[in-house]
Amino acid sequence: MSGFTFESGNYKNITATGAVTANAGALLGFYVNSSTAGTLVLRDGGAGGTVMNGTLTPAAGAFHRFPANFGAGGLHATVGGAIDVTFFYVPTPGS
């Protein structure tokens, strides 16, 4: 997917730990709808995959740009505290 720029993509809203998607793709970012001491840890490759960042404490009511590719195991988000977040991503064609 290198060399392409995307301004829109698929979305998934989560409020608990789980898969954002089980397929390869590119994360555009995420919007935090609400949060009470909410945190996020993103993983490339599912629940046991490679940690993509330290623990994030994102601001509610804001879009957080996070341009990163993730592999065939998908993108997984570990949630701490209370957070309602919508992820925006572009699936890899054919995945």
N, C-alpha and C. Protein backbone atom coordinates (compact mmCIF):
# COMPACT_ATOMS: atom_id res chain seq x y z
N MET A 1 0.81 -1.19 0.00
CA MET A 1 0.00 0.00 0.00
C MET A 1 0.85 1.24 0.00
N SER A 2 2.13 1.09 0.01
CA SER A 2 3.04 2.20 0.04
C SER A 2 2.82 3.11 -1.17
N GLY A 3 2.89 4.40 -0.94
CA GLY A 3 2.76 5.36 -2.02
C GLY A 3 1.34 5.83 -2.26
N PHE A 4 0.36 5.27 -1.59
CA PHE A 4 -1.01 5.68 -1.76
C PHE A 4 -1.42 6.55 -0.58
N THR A 5 -2.28 7.52 -0.86
CA THR A 5 -2.81 8.37 0.19
C THR A 5 -4.32 8.20 0.22
N PHE A 6 -4.86 7.93 1.39
CA PHE A 6 -6.29 7.73 1.54
C PHE A 6 -6.84 8.76 2.51
N GLU A 7 -8.03 9.27 2.20
CA GLU A 7 -8.69 10.21 3.10
C GLU A 7 -9.94 9.61 3.71
N SER A 8 -10.32 8.42 3.25
CA SER A 8 -11.49 7.76 3.82
C SER A 8 -11.27 6.26 3.79
N GLY A 9 -12.08 5.56 4.56
CA GLY A 9 -11.94 4.11 4.60
C GLY A 9 -13.08 3.49 5.37
N ASN A 10 -12.91 2.25 5.75
CA ASN A 10 -13.89 1.54 6.56
C ASN A 10 -13.82 2.07 7.99
N TYR A 11 -14.85 1.77 8.76
CA TYR A 11 -14.86 2.20 10.15
C TYR A 11 -15.35 1.08 11.05
N LYS A 12 -14.94 1.13 12.30
CA LYS A 12 -15.45 0.21 13.31
C LYS A 12 -15.40 0.91 14.66
N ASN A 13 -16.53 0.88 15.34
CA ASN A 13 -16.64 1.46 16.67
C ASN A 13 -16.46 0.36 17.71
N ILE A 14 -15.66 0.64 18.73
CA ILE A 14 -15.47 -0.31 19.83
C ILE A 14 -15.56 0.40 21.17
N THR A 15 -15.94 -0.35 22.19
CA THR A 15 -15.96 0.16 23.56
C THR A 15 -15.27 -0.82 24.50
N ALA A 16 -14.75 -1.92 23.96
CA ALA A 16 -14.07 -2.94 24.76
C ALA A 16 -12.93 -3.52 23.94
N THR A 17 -12.01 -4.21 24.59
CA THR A 17 -10.88 -4.85 23.93
C THR A 17 -11.38 -5.80 22.84
N GLY A 18 -10.73 -5.74 21.68
CA GLY A 18 -11.09 -6.65 20.59
C GLY A 18 -10.47 -6.26 19.28
N ALA A 19 -10.81 -7.05 18.25
CA ALA A 19 -10.29 -6.82 16.91
C ALA A 19 -10.97 -5.63 16.25
N VAL A 20 -10.17 -4.77 15.65
CA VAL A 20 -10.71 -3.71 14.80
C VAL A 20 -11.02 -4.34 13.44
N THR A 21 -10.08 -5.15 12.95
CA THR A 21 -10.27 -5.94 11.74
C THR A 21 -9.33 -7.14 11.82
N ALA A 22 -9.71 -8.23 11.16
CA ALA A 22 -8.88 -9.43 11.15
C ALA A 22 -8.02 -9.53 9.90
N ASN A 23 -8.08 -8.51 9.05
CA ASN A 23 -7.35 -8.52 7.78
C ASN A 23 -6.27 -7.44 7.74
N ALA A 24 -5.37 -7.56 6.79
CA ALA A 24 -4.31 -6.56 6.59
C ALA A 24 -4.90 -5.24 6.10
N GLY A 25 -4.19 -4.17 6.41
CA GLY A 25 -4.65 -2.87 5.95
C GLY A 25 -3.79 -1.74 6.45
N ALA A 26 -4.36 -0.54 6.39
CA ALA A 26 -3.67 0.66 6.85
C ALA A 26 -4.62 1.45 7.74
N LEU A 27 -4.15 1.79 8.92
CA LEU A 27 -4.92 2.61 9.84
C LEU A 27 -4.76 4.07 9.45
N LEU A 28 -5.89 4.77 9.36
CA LEU A 28 -5.84 6.20 9.09
C LEU A 28 -5.79 6.97 10.41
N GLY A 29 -6.59 6.53 11.36
CA GLY A 29 -6.65 7.17 12.66
C GLY A 29 -7.90 6.74 13.39
N PHE A 30 -8.23 7.46 14.45
CA PHE A 30 -9.41 7.10 15.24
C PHE A 30 -10.00 8.35 15.88
N TYR A 31 -11.32 8.29 16.10
CA TYR A 31 -12.04 9.38 16.74
C TYR A 31 -12.53 8.88 18.10
N VAL A 32 -12.23 9.62 19.14
CA VAL A 32 -12.66 9.24 20.48
C VAL A 32 -13.98 9.96 20.76
N ASN A 33 -15.05 9.15 20.79
CA ASN A 33 -16.39 9.70 21.02
C ASN A 33 -16.56 10.13 22.47
N SER A 34 -16.08 9.31 23.39
CA SER A 34 -16.12 9.66 24.81
C SER A 34 -15.07 8.83 25.55
N SER A 35 -14.67 9.32 26.70
CA SER A 35 -13.65 8.62 27.47
C SER A 35 -13.69 9.05 28.92
N THR A 36 -13.53 8.05 29.82
CA THR A 36 -13.34 8.29 31.24
C THR A 36 -12.09 7.53 31.62
N ALA A 37 -10.96 8.22 31.61
CA ALA A 37 -9.66 7.60 31.88
C ALA A 37 -9.39 6.45 30.91
N GLY A 38 -9.88 6.59 29.68
CA GLY A 38 -9.71 5.54 28.67
C GLY A 38 -8.31 5.52 28.07
N THR A 39 -7.82 4.30 27.82
CA THR A 39 -6.52 4.12 27.19
C THR A 39 -6.63 3.10 26.06
N LEU A 40 -5.65 3.16 25.15
CA LEU A 40 -5.59 2.23 24.03
C LEU A 40 -4.16 1.73 23.84
N VAL A 41 -4.05 0.44 23.52
CA VAL A 41 -2.80 -0.13 23.04
C VAL A 41 -3.16 -0.86 21.75
N LEU A 42 -2.50 -0.51 20.65
CA LEU A 42 -2.79 -1.12 19.35
C LEU A 42 -1.76 -2.19 19.03
N ARG A 43 -2.23 -3.29 18.44
CA ARG A 43 -1.35 -4.40 18.08
C ARG A 43 -1.52 -4.77 16.62
N ASP A 44 -0.41 -5.01 15.97
CA ASP A 44 -0.36 -5.49 14.59
C ASP A 44 -0.30 -7.02 14.65
N GLY A 45 -1.35 -7.69 14.15
CA GLY A 45 -1.34 -9.14 14.12
C GLY A 45 -2.25 -9.81 15.11
N GLY A 46 -3.24 -9.12 15.59
CA GLY A 46 -4.19 -9.73 16.52
C GLY A 46 -3.80 -9.52 17.97
N ALA A 47 -4.53 -10.20 18.87
CA ALA A 47 -4.35 -10.02 20.31
C ALA A 47 -2.93 -10.31 20.79
N GLY A 48 -2.24 -11.24 20.15
CA GLY A 48 -0.88 -11.57 20.55
C GLY A 48 0.16 -10.95 19.65
N GLY A 49 -0.24 -9.99 18.84
CA GLY A 49 0.66 -9.38 17.87
C GLY A 49 1.62 -8.36 18.45
N THR A 50 2.35 -7.73 17.57
CA THR A 50 3.35 -6.74 17.92
C THR A 50 2.69 -5.43 18.37
N VAL A 51 3.09 -4.93 19.52
CA VAL A 51 2.58 -3.66 20.02
C VAL A 51 3.06 -2.55 19.10
N MET A 52 2.14 -1.71 18.65
CA MET A 52 2.44 -0.63 17.72
C MET A 52 2.77 0.69 18.42
N ASN A 53 2.43 0.81 19.70
CA ASN A 53 2.61 2.06 20.42
C ASN A 53 2.65 1.79 21.91
N GLY A 54 3.03 2.78 22.67
CA GLY A 54 2.88 2.69 24.12
C GLY A 54 1.41 2.89 24.45
N THR A 55 1.09 2.95 25.69
CA THR A 55 -0.30 3.16 26.09
C THR A 55 -0.70 4.60 25.77
N LEU A 56 -1.74 4.72 24.95
CA LEU A 56 -2.26 6.04 24.58
C LEU A 56 -3.40 6.43 25.51
N THR A 57 -3.45 7.70 25.86
CA THR A 57 -4.57 8.26 26.60
C THR A 57 -5.13 9.40 25.74
N PRO A 58 -5.92 9.04 24.73
CA PRO A 58 -6.36 10.04 23.75
C PRO A 58 -7.47 10.94 24.29
N ALA A 59 -7.50 12.14 23.80
CA ALA A 59 -8.51 13.12 24.20
C ALA A 59 -9.86 12.79 23.56
N ALA A 60 -10.91 12.92 24.34
CA ALA A 60 -12.27 12.72 23.83
C ALA A 60 -12.67 13.88 22.94
N GLY A 61 -13.53 13.60 21.97
CA GLY A 61 -14.03 14.63 21.07
C GLY A 61 -13.03 15.06 20.02
N ALA A 62 -12.04 14.20 19.73
CA ALA A 62 -11.00 14.57 18.78
C ALA A 62 -10.64 13.38 17.88
N PHE A 63 -10.25 13.72 16.64
CA PHE A 63 -9.71 12.73 15.72
C PHE A 63 -8.21 12.67 15.92
N HIS A 64 -7.69 11.47 16.05
CA HIS A 64 -6.26 11.26 16.26
C HIS A 64 -5.70 10.55 15.03
N ARG A 65 -4.91 11.26 14.25
CA ARG A 65 -4.29 10.67 13.06
C ARG A 65 -3.24 9.67 13.52
N PHE A 66 -3.26 8.46 12.91
CA PHE A 66 -2.32 7.41 13.28
C PHE A 66 -2.04 6.57 12.03
N PRO A 67 -1.29 7.13 11.08
CA PRO A 67 -1.05 6.41 9.83
C PRO A 67 -0.06 5.26 10.02
N ALA A 68 -0.56 4.03 9.96
CA ALA A 68 0.30 2.86 10.15
C ALA A 68 -0.29 1.67 9.41
N ASN A 69 0.58 0.86 8.82
CA ASN A 69 0.15 -0.38 8.18
C ASN A 69 0.09 -1.48 9.23
N PHE A 70 -0.78 -2.47 9.00
CA PHE A 70 -0.83 -3.66 9.84
C PHE A 70 -1.01 -4.88 8.93
N GLY A 71 -0.50 -6.01 9.38
CA GLY A 71 -0.41 -7.20 8.55
C GLY A 71 -1.63 -8.09 8.54
N ALA A 72 -1.44 -9.28 7.99
CA ALA A 72 -2.51 -10.24 7.73
C ALA A 72 -3.28 -10.65 8.99
N GLY A 73 -2.68 -10.54 10.16
CA GLY A 73 -3.38 -10.88 11.40
C GLY A 73 -4.35 -9.80 11.85
N GLY A 74 -4.33 -8.65 11.18
CA GLY A 74 -5.27 -7.58 11.48
C GLY A 74 -4.79 -6.59 12.52
N LEU A 75 -5.72 -5.80 12.98
CA LEU A 75 -5.47 -4.75 13.97
C LEU A 75 -6.31 -5.04 15.21
N HIS A 76 -5.68 -5.02 16.37
CA HIS A 76 -6.34 -5.32 17.64
C HIS A 76 -6.14 -4.14 18.58
N ALA A 77 -7.17 -3.79 19.32
CA ALA A 77 -7.09 -2.69 20.29
C ALA A 77 -7.37 -3.22 21.69
N THR A 78 -6.45 -2.96 22.61
CA THR A 78 -6.65 -3.29 24.02
C THR A 78 -7.12 -2.01 24.70
N VAL A 79 -8.28 -2.08 25.32
CA VAL A 79 -8.91 -0.93 25.94
C VAL A 79 -8.73 -0.99 27.46
N GLY A 80 -8.37 0.14 28.04
CA GLY A 80 -8.32 0.30 29.49
C GLY A 80 -9.26 1.42 29.87
N GLY A 81 -9.82 1.39 31.06
CA GLY A 81 -10.77 2.42 31.47
C GLY A 81 -12.03 2.33 30.63
N ALA A 82 -12.70 3.44 30.47
CA ALA A 82 -13.92 3.49 29.66
C ALA A 82 -13.67 4.40 28.47
N ILE A 83 -13.83 3.83 27.27
CA ILE A 83 -13.61 4.61 26.06
C ILE A 83 -14.54 4.12 24.96
N ASP A 84 -15.05 5.03 24.18
CA ASP A 84 -15.87 4.75 23.01
C ASP A 84 -15.12 5.36 21.84
N VAL A 85 -14.58 4.52 20.96
CA VAL A 85 -13.68 4.99 19.91
C VAL A 85 -14.05 4.37 18.56
N THR A 86 -13.97 5.17 17.52
CA THR A 86 -14.24 4.71 16.16
C THR A 86 -12.95 4.76 15.37
N PHE A 87 -12.54 3.59 14.85
CA PHE A 87 -11.33 3.48 14.04
C PHE A 87 -11.67 3.62 12.57
N PHE A 88 -10.78 4.26 11.82
CA PHE A 88 -10.91 4.40 10.37
C PHE A 88 -9.70 3.76 9.73
N TYR A 89 -9.93 2.81 8.82
CA TYR A 89 -8.83 2.05 8.20
C TYR A 89 -9.17 1.69 6.77
N VAL A 90 -8.14 1.37 6.02
CA VAL A 90 -8.29 0.96 4.62
C VAL A 90 -7.78 -0.48 4.51
N PRO A 91 -8.65 -1.42 4.11
CA PRO A 91 -8.19 -2.80 3.96
C PRO A 91 -7.24 -2.93 2.77
N THR A 92 -6.29 -3.84 2.89
CA THR A 92 -5.42 -4.15 1.76
C THR A 92 -6.26 -4.85 0.70
N PRO A 93 -6.20 -4.42 -0.56
CA PRO A 93 -6.98 -5.08 -1.60
C PRO A 93 -6.68 -6.59 -1.63
N GLY A 94 -7.73 -7.38 -1.70
CA GLY A 94 -7.59 -8.83 -1.79
C GLY A 94 -7.45 -9.51 -0.45
N SER A 95 -7.46 -8.76 0.65
CA SER A 95 -7.31 -9.42 1.97
C SER A 95 -8.65 -9.72 2.58
